[in-house]
Amino acid sequence: MSEKNYRLVRTLLLIFLGLWTVLTLFPIYFKAITAFKSPAETNSTIPSFWPKEWHPENFVSVFAESSNFQSLVDSFVIASGNTLLSLFLGTLAGYAFARFPKQAGGENLAFWILSNRMFPPVAVLIPMFFLFDATPWGTDSRISLIILYLVFNMPLATWLMMVFFRDAPRELEEAAYLDGWTPLQAFMRITLPLVLPGMISVSMLCWIFAWNEYLFANLFVGTDVKTYTIVIPTFTHGSQTLWNLQMAFSLMAMLPPVALFILLRRYMVRGLSLGVVKG
């Protein structure tokens, strides 16, 4: 490629990346400035791209009711509980499919498990409600959503962990067997550390899904337990939607996943690229 063509391609690429960055960050920017506006300014027919008056007290107003903060706690407990359970079951199932495919049911069963992640959630919404309503803990509880989200998170965790375990060298486990280690010792001390970045990536994907889920939470809980996703639409005053409070609350709800990603970004990159390069 000539120097002229190289510069042209580089310029076009920079323009594309610049436009992509603007389109990606603008909704976050507009949400951030809306969180500091007054209700009158947010409901104005002509949108403003910078607050006329700053109202940082909006972030205090969202917690005027203690249940709003409790909704963040409920969401965190549900997302964390489901992630731990999904990762535990998905890791065991993925290892079985990777190391003992015939005994575990083969590729057909593995694909069937993954297909459960693909069907539309609304298709099982009503049956699941009646099913959990018949359980001792009922529908309006944390444990209901923790178990329910397994329907979508465990297939994803199983499939991804199966791929990660397949990329992990089996020879290291066989060498451990020759040294007198049991299969459980080899699994815990050799195989799991090898796929740790992948496990962290899977846990982040599962956690974010459970943290942001709205459809099932809106139907299942709302009295004793509330997730933050069903609290955001409740910031209203009569027929007026308080967009400034909604944006302030949603910004605060963004902090946990952003903080987790920043802390675990090194493992996320390693986990998502695990097994890409072989040699």
C-alpha atoms as a PDB file:
ATOM      1  CA  MET A   1       0.000   0.000   0.000  1.00  0.00           C
ATOM      2  CA  SER A   2       1.336   3.375  -1.002  1.00  0.00           C
ATOM      3  CA  GLU A   3       1.914   6.150   1.487  1.00  0.00           C
ATOM      4  CA  LYS A   4      -0.979   8.162   0.053  1.00  0.00           C
ATOM      5  CA  ASN A   5      -3.443   5.281   0.302  1.00  0.00           C
ATOM      6  CA  TYR A   6      -2.227   4.485   3.810  1.00  0.00           C
ATOM      7  CA  ARG A   7      -2.920   8.038   4.964  1.00  0.00           C
ATOM      8  CA  LEU A   8      -6.360   7.975   3.345  1.00  0.00           C
ATOM      9  CA  VAL A   9      -7.296   4.707   5.039  1.00  0.00           C
ATOM     10  CA  ARG A  10      -5.929   5.957   8.364  1.00  0.00           C
ATOM     11  CA  THR A  11      -7.920   9.203   8.062  1.00  0.00           C
ATOM     12  CA  LEU A  12     -11.150   7.388   7.208  1.00  0.00           C
ATOM     13  CA  LEU A  13     -10.592   5.000  10.094  1.00  0.00           C
ATOM     14  CA  LEU A  14     -10.039   7.860  12.523  1.00  0.00           C
ATOM     15  CA  ILE A  15     -13.203   9.592  11.263  1.00  0.00           C
ATOM     16  CA  PHE A  16     -15.193   6.394  11.710  1.00  0.00           C
ATOM     17  CA  LEU A  17     -13.840   5.827  15.210  1.00  0.00           C
ATOM     18  CA  GLY A  18     -14.567   9.436  16.120  1.00  0.00           C
ATOM     19  CA  LEU A  19     -18.191   9.174  14.948  1.00  0.00           C
ATOM     20  CA  TRP A  20     -18.585   5.840  16.717  1.00  0.00           C
ATOM     21  CA  THR A  21     -17.246   7.344  19.944  1.00  0.00           C
ATOM     22  CA  VAL A  22     -19.595  10.317  19.737  1.00  0.00           C
ATOM     23  CA  LEU A  23     -22.641   8.140  19.042  1.00  0.00           C
ATOM     24  CA  THR A  24     -21.702   5.802  21.870  1.00  0.00           C
ATOM     25  CA  LEU A  25     -20.957   8.402  24.518  1.00  0.00           C
ATOM     26  CA  PHE A  26     -23.659  10.960  23.677  1.00  0.00           C
ATOM     27  CA  PRO A  27     -26.521   9.037  25.405  1.00  0.00           C
ATOM     28  CA  ILE A  28     -24.395   8.759  28.546  1.00  0.00           C
ATOM     29  CA  TYR A  29     -23.517  12.445  28.356  1.00  0.00           C
ATOM     30  CA  PHE A  30     -27.155  13.467  27.882  1.00  0.00           C
ATOM     31  CA  LYS A  31     -28.209  11.239  30.768  1.00  0.00           C
ATOM     32  CA  ALA A  32     -25.554  12.813  32.989  1.00  0.00           C
ATOM     33  CA  ILE A  33     -26.577  16.410  32.280  1.00  0.00           C
ATOM     34  CA  THR A  34     -30.280  15.554  32.566  1.00  0.00           C
ATOM     35  CA  ALA A  35     -29.630  14.249  36.078  1.00  0.00           C
ATOM     36  CA  PHE A  36     -28.638  17.796  37.109  1.00  0.00           C
ATOM     37  CA  LYS A  37     -31.579  19.613  35.496  1.00  0.00           C
ATOM     38  CA  SER A  38     -34.812  20.847  37.022  1.00  0.00           C
ATOM     39  CA  PRO A  39     -38.111  19.077  36.179  1.00  0.00           C
ATOM     40  CA  ALA A  40     -39.241  22.081  34.115  1.00  0.00           C
ATOM     41  CA  GLU A  41     -36.085  22.022  32.006  1.00  0.00           C
ATOM     42  CA  THR A  42     -36.201  18.271  31.405  1.00  0.00           C
ATOM     43  CA  ASN A  43     -39.829  18.496  30.194  1.00  0.00           C
ATOM     44  CA  SER A  44     -39.177  21.465  27.922  1.00  0.00           C
ATOM     45  CA  THR A  45     -40.152  20.931  24.274  1.00  0.00           C
ATOM     46  CA  ILE A  46     -36.757  22.286  23.201  1.00  0.00           C
ATOM     47  CA  PRO A  47     -33.993  20.108  24.689  1.00  0.00           C
ATOM     48  CA  SER A  48     -30.962  21.773  26.209  1.00  0.00           C
ATOM     49  CA  PHE A  49     -27.534  20.223  26.009  1.00  0.00           C
ATOM     50  CA  TRP A  50     -26.222  21.964  29.109  1.00  0.00           C
ATOM     51  CA  PRO A  51     -28.146  22.638  32.337  1.00  0.00           C
ATOM     52  CA  LYS A  52     -29.291  26.226  32.811  1.00  0.00           C
ATOM     53  CA  GLU A  53     -29.160  25.655  36.555  1.00  0.00           C
ATOM     54  CA  TRP A  54     -27.377  22.795  38.273  1.00  0.00           C
ATOM     55  CA  HIS A  55     -29.355  20.721  40.747  1.00  0.00           C
ATOM     56  CA  PRO A  56     -27.026  18.224  42.459  1.00  0.00           C
ATOM     57  CA  GLU A  57     -29.708  17.701  45.102  1.00  0.00           C
ATOM     58  CA  ASN A  58     -31.432  15.390  42.598  1.00  0.00           C
ATOM     59  CA  PHE A  59     -29.055  12.647  43.685  1.00  0.00           C
ATOM     60  CA  VAL A  60     -30.249  13.085  47.262  1.00  0.00           C
ATOM     61  CA  SER A  61     -33.910  13.264  46.284  1.00  0.00           C
ATOM     62  CA  VAL A  62     -33.842   9.827  44.682  1.00  0.00           C
ATOM     63  CA  PHE A  63     -33.253   8.366  48.127  1.00  0.00           C
ATOM     64  CA  ALA A  64     -36.056  10.297  49.801  1.00  0.00           C
ATOM     65  CA  GLU A  65     -37.687   6.893  50.148  1.00  0.00           C
ATOM     66  CA  SER A  66     -35.514   4.276  51.802  1.00  0.00           C
ATOM     67  CA  SER A  67     -36.984   1.605  49.522  1.00  0.00           C
ATOM     68  CA  ASN A  68     -35.111   3.128  46.590  1.00  0.00           C
ATOM     69  CA  PHE A  69     -31.743   2.395  48.169  1.00  0.00           C
ATOM     70  CA  GLN A  70     -33.023  -1.012  49.234  1.00  0.00           C
ATOM     71  CA  SER A  71     -33.827  -1.758  45.599  1.00  0.00           C
ATOM     72  CA  LEU A  72     -30.137  -1.384  44.748  1.00  0.00           C
ATOM     73  CA  VAL A  73     -29.300  -3.777  47.577  1.00  0.00           C
ATOM     74  CA  ASP A  74     -31.906  -6.272  46.351  1.00  0.00           C
ATOM     75  CA  SER A  75     -30.557  -6.057  42.804  1.00  0.00           C
ATOM     76  CA  PHE A  76     -26.999  -6.594  44.025  1.00  0.00           C
ATOM     77  CA  VAL A  77     -27.939  -9.607  46.146  1.00  0.00           C
ATOM     78  CA  ILE A  78     -29.990 -11.180  43.360  1.00  0.00           C
ATOM     79  CA  ALA A  79     -27.342 -10.583  40.693  1.00  0.00           C
ATOM     80  CA  SER A  80     -24.502 -11.837  42.907  1.00  0.00           C
ATOM     81  CA  GLY A  81     -26.409 -14.884  44.126  1.00  0.00           C
ATOM     82  CA  ASN A  82     -27.450 -15.883  40.653  1.00  0.00           C
ATOM     83  CA  THR A  83     -23.948 -15.342  39.279  1.00  0.00           C
ATOM     84  CA  LEU A  84     -22.353 -17.559  41.915  1.00  0.00           C
ATOM     85  CA  LEU A  85     -24.913 -20.305  41.353  1.00  0.00           C
ATOM     86  CA  SER A  86     -24.709 -20.044  37.553  1.00  0.00           C
ATOM     87  CA  LEU A  87     -20.920 -20.121  37.623  1.00  0.00           C
ATOM     88  CA  PHE A  88     -20.818 -23.098  39.995  1.00  0.00           C
ATOM     89  CA  LEU A  89     -23.269 -25.210  37.988  1.00  0.00           C
ATOM     90  CA  GLY A  90     -21.974 -24.001  34.621  1.00  0.00           C
ATOM     91  CA  THR A  91     -18.380 -24.798  35.553  1.00  0.00           C
ATOM     92  CA  LEU A  92     -19.225 -28.365  36.578  1.00  0.00           C
ATOM     93  CA  ALA A  93     -21.395 -28.938  33.515  1.00  0.00           C
ATOM     94  CA  GLY A  94     -18.874 -27.331  31.177  1.00  0.00           C
ATOM     95  CA  TYR A  95     -16.068 -29.498  32.536  1.00  0.00           C
ATOM     96  CA  ALA A  96     -18.182 -32.616  32.055  1.00  0.00           C
ATOM     97  CA  PHE A  97     -18.999 -31.720  28.445  1.00  0.00           C
ATOM     98  CA  ALA A  98     -15.361 -30.854  27.714  1.00  0.00           C
ATOM     99  CA  ARG A  99     -13.671 -33.880  29.307  1.00  0.00           C
ATOM    100  CA  PHE A 100     -16.383 -36.548  29.148  1.00  0.00           C
ATOM    101  CA  PRO A 101     -18.612 -35.568  26.199  1.00  0.00           C
ATOM    102  CA  LYS A 102     -20.158 -38.989  25.582  1.00  0.00           C
ATOM    103  CA  GLN A 103     -20.944 -39.650  29.224  1.00  0.00           C
ATOM    104  CA  ALA A 104     -22.361 -36.129  29.622  1.00  0.00           C
ATOM    105  CA  GLY A 105     -24.750 -36.443  26.687  1.00  0.00           C
ATOM    106  CA  GLY A 106     -22.705 -35.305  23.707  1.00  0.00           C
ATOM    107  CA  GLU A 107     -22.924 -32.250  21.477  1.00  0.00           C
ATOM    108  CA  ASN A 108     -26.695 -32.555  21.038  1.00  0.00           C
ATOM    109  CA  LEU A 109     -27.356 -32.106  24.741  1.00  0.00           C
ATOM    110  CA  ALA A 110     -24.821 -29.269  24.945  1.00  0.00           C
ATOM    111  CA  PHE A 111     -26.520 -27.465  22.066  1.00  0.00           C
ATOM    112  CA  TRP A 112     -29.947 -28.044  23.614  1.00  0.00           C
ATOM    113  CA  ILE A 113     -28.734 -26.389  26.811  1.00  0.00           C
ATOM    114  CA  LEU A 114     -27.476 -23.404  24.816  1.00  0.00           C
ATOM    115  CA  SER A 115     -30.770 -23.187  22.897  1.00  0.00           C
ATOM    116  CA  ASN A 116     -32.547 -22.458  26.184  1.00  0.00           C
ATOM    117  CA  ARG A 117     -30.688 -19.140  26.194  1.00  0.00           C
ATOM    118  CA  MET A 118     -32.031 -18.293  22.747  1.00  0.00           C
ATOM    119  CA  PHE A 119     -35.805 -18.558  23.140  1.00  0.00           C
ATOM    120  CA  PRO A 120     -37.741 -15.352  23.921  1.00  0.00           C
ATOM    121  CA  PRO A 121     -38.157 -14.846  27.685  1.00  0.00           C
ATOM    122  CA  VAL A 122     -41.762 -13.683  27.287  1.00  0.00           C
ATOM    123  CA  ALA A 123     -42.662 -17.195  26.079  1.00  0.00           C
ATOM    124  CA  VAL A 124     -42.197 -18.609  29.588  1.00  0.00           C
ATOM    125  CA  LEU A 125     -43.216 -15.558  31.589  1.00  0.00           C
ATOM    126  CA  ILE A 126     -46.700 -16.680  32.667  1.00  0.00           C
ATOM    127  CA  PRO A 127     -45.886 -20.404  33.194  1.00  0.00           C
ATOM    128  CA  MET A 128     -42.908 -19.455  35.351  1.00  0.00           C
ATOM    129  CA  PHE A 129     -45.044 -17.134  37.426  1.00  0.00           C
ATOM    130  CA  PHE A 130     -47.529 -19.859  38.293  1.00  0.00           C
ATOM    131  CA  LEU A 131     -44.707 -22.330  38.883  1.00  0.00           C
ATOM    132  CA  PHE A 132     -42.916 -20.114  41.391  1.00  0.00           C
ATOM    133  CA  ASP A 133     -46.179 -19.002  42.948  1.00  0.00           C
ATOM    134  CA  ALA A 134     -46.688 -22.630  44.044  1.00  0.00           C
ATOM    135  CA  THR A 135     -43.296 -22.768  45.807  1.00  0.00           C
ATOM    136  CA  PRO A 136     -42.945 -22.172  49.571  1.00  0.00           C
ATOM    137  CA  TRP A 137     -41.102 -18.871  49.059  1.00  0.00           C
ATOM    138  CA  GLY A 138     -43.565 -17.565  46.466  1.00  0.00           C
ATOM    139  CA  THR A 139     -42.766 -15.060  43.736  1.00  0.00           C
ATOM    140  CA  ASP A 140     -42.031 -11.877  45.668  1.00  0.00           C
ATOM    141  CA  SER A 141     -38.644 -12.990  46.997  1.00  0.00           C
ATOM    142  CA  ARG A 142     -34.983 -12.781  46.121  1.00  0.00           C
ATOM    143  CA  ILE A 143     -34.611 -16.535  45.831  1.00  0.00           C
ATOM    144  CA  SER A 144     -37.288 -16.632  43.126  1.00  0.00           C
ATOM    145  CA  LEU A 145     -35.332 -14.364  40.813  1.00  0.00           C
ATOM    146  CA  ILE A 146     -32.009 -15.996  41.698  1.00  0.00           C
ATOM    147  CA  ILE A 147     -33.341 -19.392  40.611  1.00  0.00           C
ATOM    148  CA  LEU A 148     -35.334 -18.014  37.689  1.00  0.00           C
ATOM    149  CA  TYR A 149     -32.361 -16.270  36.119  1.00  0.00           C
ATOM    150  CA  LEU A 150     -30.590 -19.646  36.016  1.00  0.00           C
ATOM    151  CA  VAL A 151     -32.791 -20.449  33.023  1.00  0.00           C
ATOM    152  CA  PHE A 152     -30.849 -17.888  30.998  1.00  0.00           C
ATOM    153  CA  ASN A 153     -27.480 -17.594  32.705  1.00  0.00           C
ATOM    154  CA  MET A 154     -26.613 -21.235  33.330  1.00  0.00           C
ATOM    155  CA  PRO A 155     -26.780 -22.260  29.621  1.00  0.00           C
ATOM    156  CA  LEU A 156     -24.463 -19.388  28.734  1.00  0.00           C
ATOM    157  CA  ALA A 157     -22.081 -20.255  31.559  1.00  0.00           C
ATOM    158  CA  THR A 158     -22.123 -23.955  30.636  1.00  0.00           C
ATOM    159  CA  TRP A 159     -21.367 -23.368  26.975  1.00  0.00           C
ATOM    160  CA  LEU A 160     -18.600 -20.837  27.523  1.00  0.00           C
ATOM    161  CA  MET A 161     -16.947 -22.855  30.280  1.00  0.00           C
ATOM    162  CA  MET A 162     -17.067 -25.928  28.048  1.00  0.00           C
ATOM    163  CA  VAL A 163     -15.094 -24.014  25.410  1.00  0.00           C
ATOM    164  CA  PHE A 164     -12.592 -22.761  27.986  1.00  0.00           C
ATOM    165  CA  PHE A 165     -12.051 -26.245  29.424  1.00  0.00           C
ATOM    166  CA  ARG A 166     -11.519 -27.666  25.935  1.00  0.00           C
ATOM    167  CA  ASP A 167      -8.746 -25.149  25.349  1.00  0.00           C
ATOM    168  CA  ALA A 168      -7.064 -26.046  28.639  1.00  0.00           C
ATOM    169  CA  PRO A 169      -4.357 -28.713  28.016  1.00  0.00           C
ATOM    170  CA  ARG A 170      -5.500 -32.106  29.253  1.00  0.00           C
ATOM    171  CA  GLU A 171      -1.889 -33.302  29.470  1.00  0.00           C
ATOM    172  CA  LEU A 172      -1.386 -31.325  32.682  1.00  0.00           C
ATOM    173  CA  GLU A 173      -4.228 -33.200  34.340  1.00  0.00           C
ATOM    174  CA  GLU A 174      -2.904 -36.550  33.140  1.00  0.00           C
ATOM    175  CA  ALA A 175       0.527 -35.693  34.525  1.00  0.00           C
ATOM    176  CA  ALA A 176      -1.091 -34.900  37.861  1.00  0.00           C
ATOM    177  CA  TYR A 177      -2.791 -38.301  37.851  1.00  0.00           C
ATOM    178  CA  LEU A 178       0.594 -39.967  37.378  1.00  0.00           C
ATOM    179  CA  ASP A 179       1.854 -38.067  40.433  1.00  0.00           C
ATOM    180  CA  GLY A 180      -0.927 -39.596  42.496  1.00  0.00           C
ATOM    181  CA  TRP A 181      -3.376 -36.704  42.486  1.00  0.00           C
ATOM    182  CA  THR A 182      -7.087 -37.440  42.513  1.00  0.00           C
ATOM    183  CA  PRO A 183      -9.309 -36.059  39.699  1.00  0.00           C
ATOM    184  CA  LEU A 184     -10.757 -33.542  42.146  1.00  0.00           C
ATOM    185  CA  GLN A 185      -7.297 -32.325  43.187  1.00  0.00           C
ATOM    186  CA  ALA A 186      -6.214 -31.983  39.564  1.00  0.00           C
ATOM    187  CA  PHE A 187      -9.420 -30.108  38.740  1.00  0.00           C
ATOM    188  CA  MET A 188      -9.120 -27.692  41.652  1.00  0.00           C
ATOM    189  CA  ARG A 189      -5.364 -27.059  41.576  1.00  0.00           C
ATOM    190  CA  ILE A 190      -4.517 -27.228  37.876  1.00  0.00           C
ATOM    191  CA  THR A 191      -7.530 -26.870  35.585  1.00  0.00           C
ATOM    192  CA  LEU A 192      -9.461 -24.166  37.394  1.00  0.00           C
ATOM    193  CA  PRO A 193      -6.492 -21.762  37.650  1.00  0.00           C
ATOM    194  CA  LEU A 194      -5.971 -22.157  33.896  1.00  0.00           C
ATOM    195  CA  VAL A 195      -9.530 -21.069  33.093  1.00  0.00           C
ATOM    196  CA  LEU A 196      -9.806 -18.433  35.830  1.00  0.00           C
ATOM    197  CA  PRO A 197      -9.864 -15.501  33.365  1.00  0.00           C
ATOM    198  CA  GLY A 198     -12.651 -17.237  31.477  1.00  0.00           C
ATOM    199  CA  MET A 199     -14.592 -17.783  34.694  1.00  0.00           C
ATOM    200  CA  ILE A 200     -14.333 -14.095  35.525  1.00  0.00           C
ATOM    201  CA  SER A 201     -15.575 -13.158  32.042  1.00  0.00           C
ATOM    202  CA  VAL A 202     -18.524 -15.531  32.383  1.00  0.00           C
ATOM    203  CA  SER A 203     -19.349 -14.217  35.846  1.00  0.00           C
ATOM    204  CA  MET A 204     -19.370 -10.629  34.558  1.00  0.00           C
ATOM    205  CA  LEU A 205     -21.739 -11.512  31.707  1.00  0.00           C
ATOM    206  CA  CYS A 206     -24.080 -13.347  34.072  1.00  0.00           C
ATOM    207  CA  TRP A 207     -23.953 -10.577  36.668  1.00  0.00           C
ATOM    208  CA  ILE A 208     -24.729  -7.819  34.191  1.00  0.00           C
ATOM    209  CA  PHE A 209     -27.717  -9.737  32.795  1.00  0.00           C
ATOM    210  CA  ALA A 210     -29.165 -10.332  36.265  1.00  0.00           C
ATOM    211  CA  TRP A 211     -28.418  -6.739  37.313  1.00  0.00           C
ATOM    212  CA  ASN A 212     -30.195  -5.199  34.312  1.00  0.00           C
ATOM    213  CA  GLU A 213     -33.112  -7.630  33.937  1.00  0.00           C
ATOM    214  CA  TYR A 214     -36.525  -5.963  33.942  1.00  0.00           C
ATOM    215  CA  LEU A 215     -39.205  -8.201  32.400  1.00  0.00           C
ATOM    216  CA  PHE A 216     -39.325 -10.972  35.015  1.00  0.00           C
ATOM    217  CA  ALA A 217     -38.584  -8.621  37.900  1.00  0.00           C
ATOM    218  CA  ASN A 218     -41.522  -6.422  36.924  1.00  0.00           C
ATOM    219  CA  LEU A 219     -43.924  -9.374  37.130  1.00  0.00           C
ATOM    220  CA  PHE A 220     -42.443 -11.393  39.978  1.00  0.00           C
ATOM    221  CA  VAL A 221     -41.461  -8.846  42.640  1.00  0.00           C
ATOM    222  CA  GLY A 222     -42.489  -5.385  43.744  1.00  0.00           C
ATOM    223  CA  THR A 223     -43.851  -5.558  47.295  1.00  0.00           C
ATOM    224  CA  ASP A 224     -41.357  -7.203  49.633  1.00  0.00           C
ATOM    225  CA  VAL A 225     -38.531  -7.142  47.090  1.00  0.00           C
ATOM    226  CA  LYS A 226     -37.801  -4.523  44.456  1.00  0.00           C
ATOM    227  CA  THR A 227     -35.024  -4.347  41.906  1.00  0.00           C
ATOM    228  CA  TYR A 228     -33.752  -0.997  40.744  1.00  0.00           C
ATOM    229  CA  THR A 229     -35.024  -1.622  37.202  1.00  0.00           C
ATOM    230  CA  ILE A 230     -38.653  -1.525  38.346  1.00  0.00           C
ATOM    231  CA  VAL A 231     -38.051   1.493  40.585  1.00  0.00           C
ATOM    232  CA  ILE A 232     -36.775   3.814  37.846  1.00  0.00           C
ATOM    233  CA  PRO A 233     -40.200   4.245  36.126  1.00  0.00           C
ATOM    234  CA  THR A 234     -41.813   5.179  39.458  1.00  0.00           C
ATOM    235  CA  PHE A 235     -40.191   8.626  39.618  1.00  0.00           C
ATOM    236  CA  THR A 236     -43.253  10.628  38.644  1.00  0.00           C
ATOM    237  CA  HIS A 237     -45.256  13.543  40.020  1.00  0.00           C
ATOM    238  CA  GLY A 238     -48.859  13.253  38.985  1.00  0.00           C
ATOM    239  CA  SER A 239     -48.851  12.923  35.220  1.00  0.00           C
ATOM    240  CA  GLN A 240     -45.360  14.409  34.941  1.00  0.00           C
ATOM    241  CA  THR A 241     -42.355  12.149  34.505  1.00  0.00           C
ATOM    242  CA  LEU A 242     -39.401  13.250  36.613  1.00  0.00           C
ATOM    243  CA  TRP A 243     -36.715  12.529  34.063  1.00  0.00           C
ATOM    244  CA  ASN A 244     -34.055  14.232  36.138  1.00  0.00           C
ATOM    245  CA  LEU A 245     -34.592  11.827  39.048  1.00  0.00           C
ATOM    246  CA  GLN A 246     -34.807   8.849  36.717  1.00  0.00           C
ATOM    247  CA  MET A 247     -31.501   9.782  35.124  1.00  0.00           C
ATOM    248  CA  ALA A 248     -29.863  10.434  38.497  1.00  0.00           C
ATOM    249  CA  PHE A 249     -30.964   7.065  39.827  1.00  0.00           C
ATOM    250  CA  SER A 250     -29.940   5.221  36.659  1.00  0.00           C
ATOM    251  CA  LEU A 251     -26.522   6.883  36.788  1.00  0.00           C
ATOM    252  CA  MET A 252     -26.033   5.575  40.305  1.00  0.00           C
ATOM    253  CA  ALA A 253     -27.176   2.148  39.144  1.00  0.00           C
ATOM    254  CA  MET A 254     -24.439   2.242  36.487  1.00  0.00           C
ATOM    255  CA  LEU A 255     -21.688   2.573  39.067  1.00  0.00           C
ATOM    256  CA  PRO A 256     -21.518  -1.074  40.303  1.00  0.00           C
ATOM    257  CA  PRO A 257     -21.100  -2.702  36.844  1.00  0.00           C
ATOM    258  CA  VAL A 258     -18.682   0.013  35.718  1.00  0.00           C
ATOM    259  CA  ALA A 259     -16.620  -0.405  38.887  1.00  0.00           C
ATOM    260  CA  LEU A 260     -16.554  -4.184  38.479  1.00  0.00           C
ATOM    261  CA  PHE A 261     -15.474  -3.899  34.868  1.00  0.00           C
ATOM    262  CA  ILE A 262     -12.674  -1.473  35.754  1.00  0.00           C
ATOM    263  CA  LEU A 263     -11.433  -3.755  38.515  1.00  0.00           C
ATOM    264  CA  LEU A 264     -11.644  -6.922  36.414  1.00  0.00           C
ATOM    265  CA  ARG A 265     -10.900  -5.554  32.942  1.00  0.00           C
ATOM    266  CA  ARG A 266      -7.529  -7.306  32.794  1.00  0.00           C
ATOM    267  CA  TYR A 267      -9.172 -10.670  33.413  1.00  0.00           C
ATOM    268  CA  MET A 268     -12.034  -9.849  31.051  1.00  0.00           C
ATOM    269  CA  VAL A 269      -9.684  -9.267  28.124  1.00  0.00           C
ATOM    270  CA  ARG A 270      -7.730 -12.446  28.892  1.00  0.00           C
ATOM    271  CA  GLY A 271     -10.897 -14.441  29.353  1.00  0.00           C
ATOM    272  CA  LEU A 272     -12.600 -13.295  26.145  1.00  0.00           C
ATOM    273  CA  SER A 273      -9.432 -14.030  24.172  1.00  0.00           C
ATOM    274  CA  LEU A 274      -8.788 -17.384  25.860  1.00  0.00           C
ATOM    275  CA  GLY A 275      -8.126 -20.058  23.283  1.00  0.00           C
ATOM    276  CA  VAL A 276      -8.089 -17.647  20.328  1.00  0.00           C
ATOM    277  CA  VAL A 277      -4.396 -18.162  19.654  1.00  0.00           C
ATOM    278  CA  LYS A 278      -3.002 -21.659  19.687  1.00  0.00           C
ATOM    279  CA  GLY A 279       0.491 -22.783  19.028  1.00  0.00           C
END
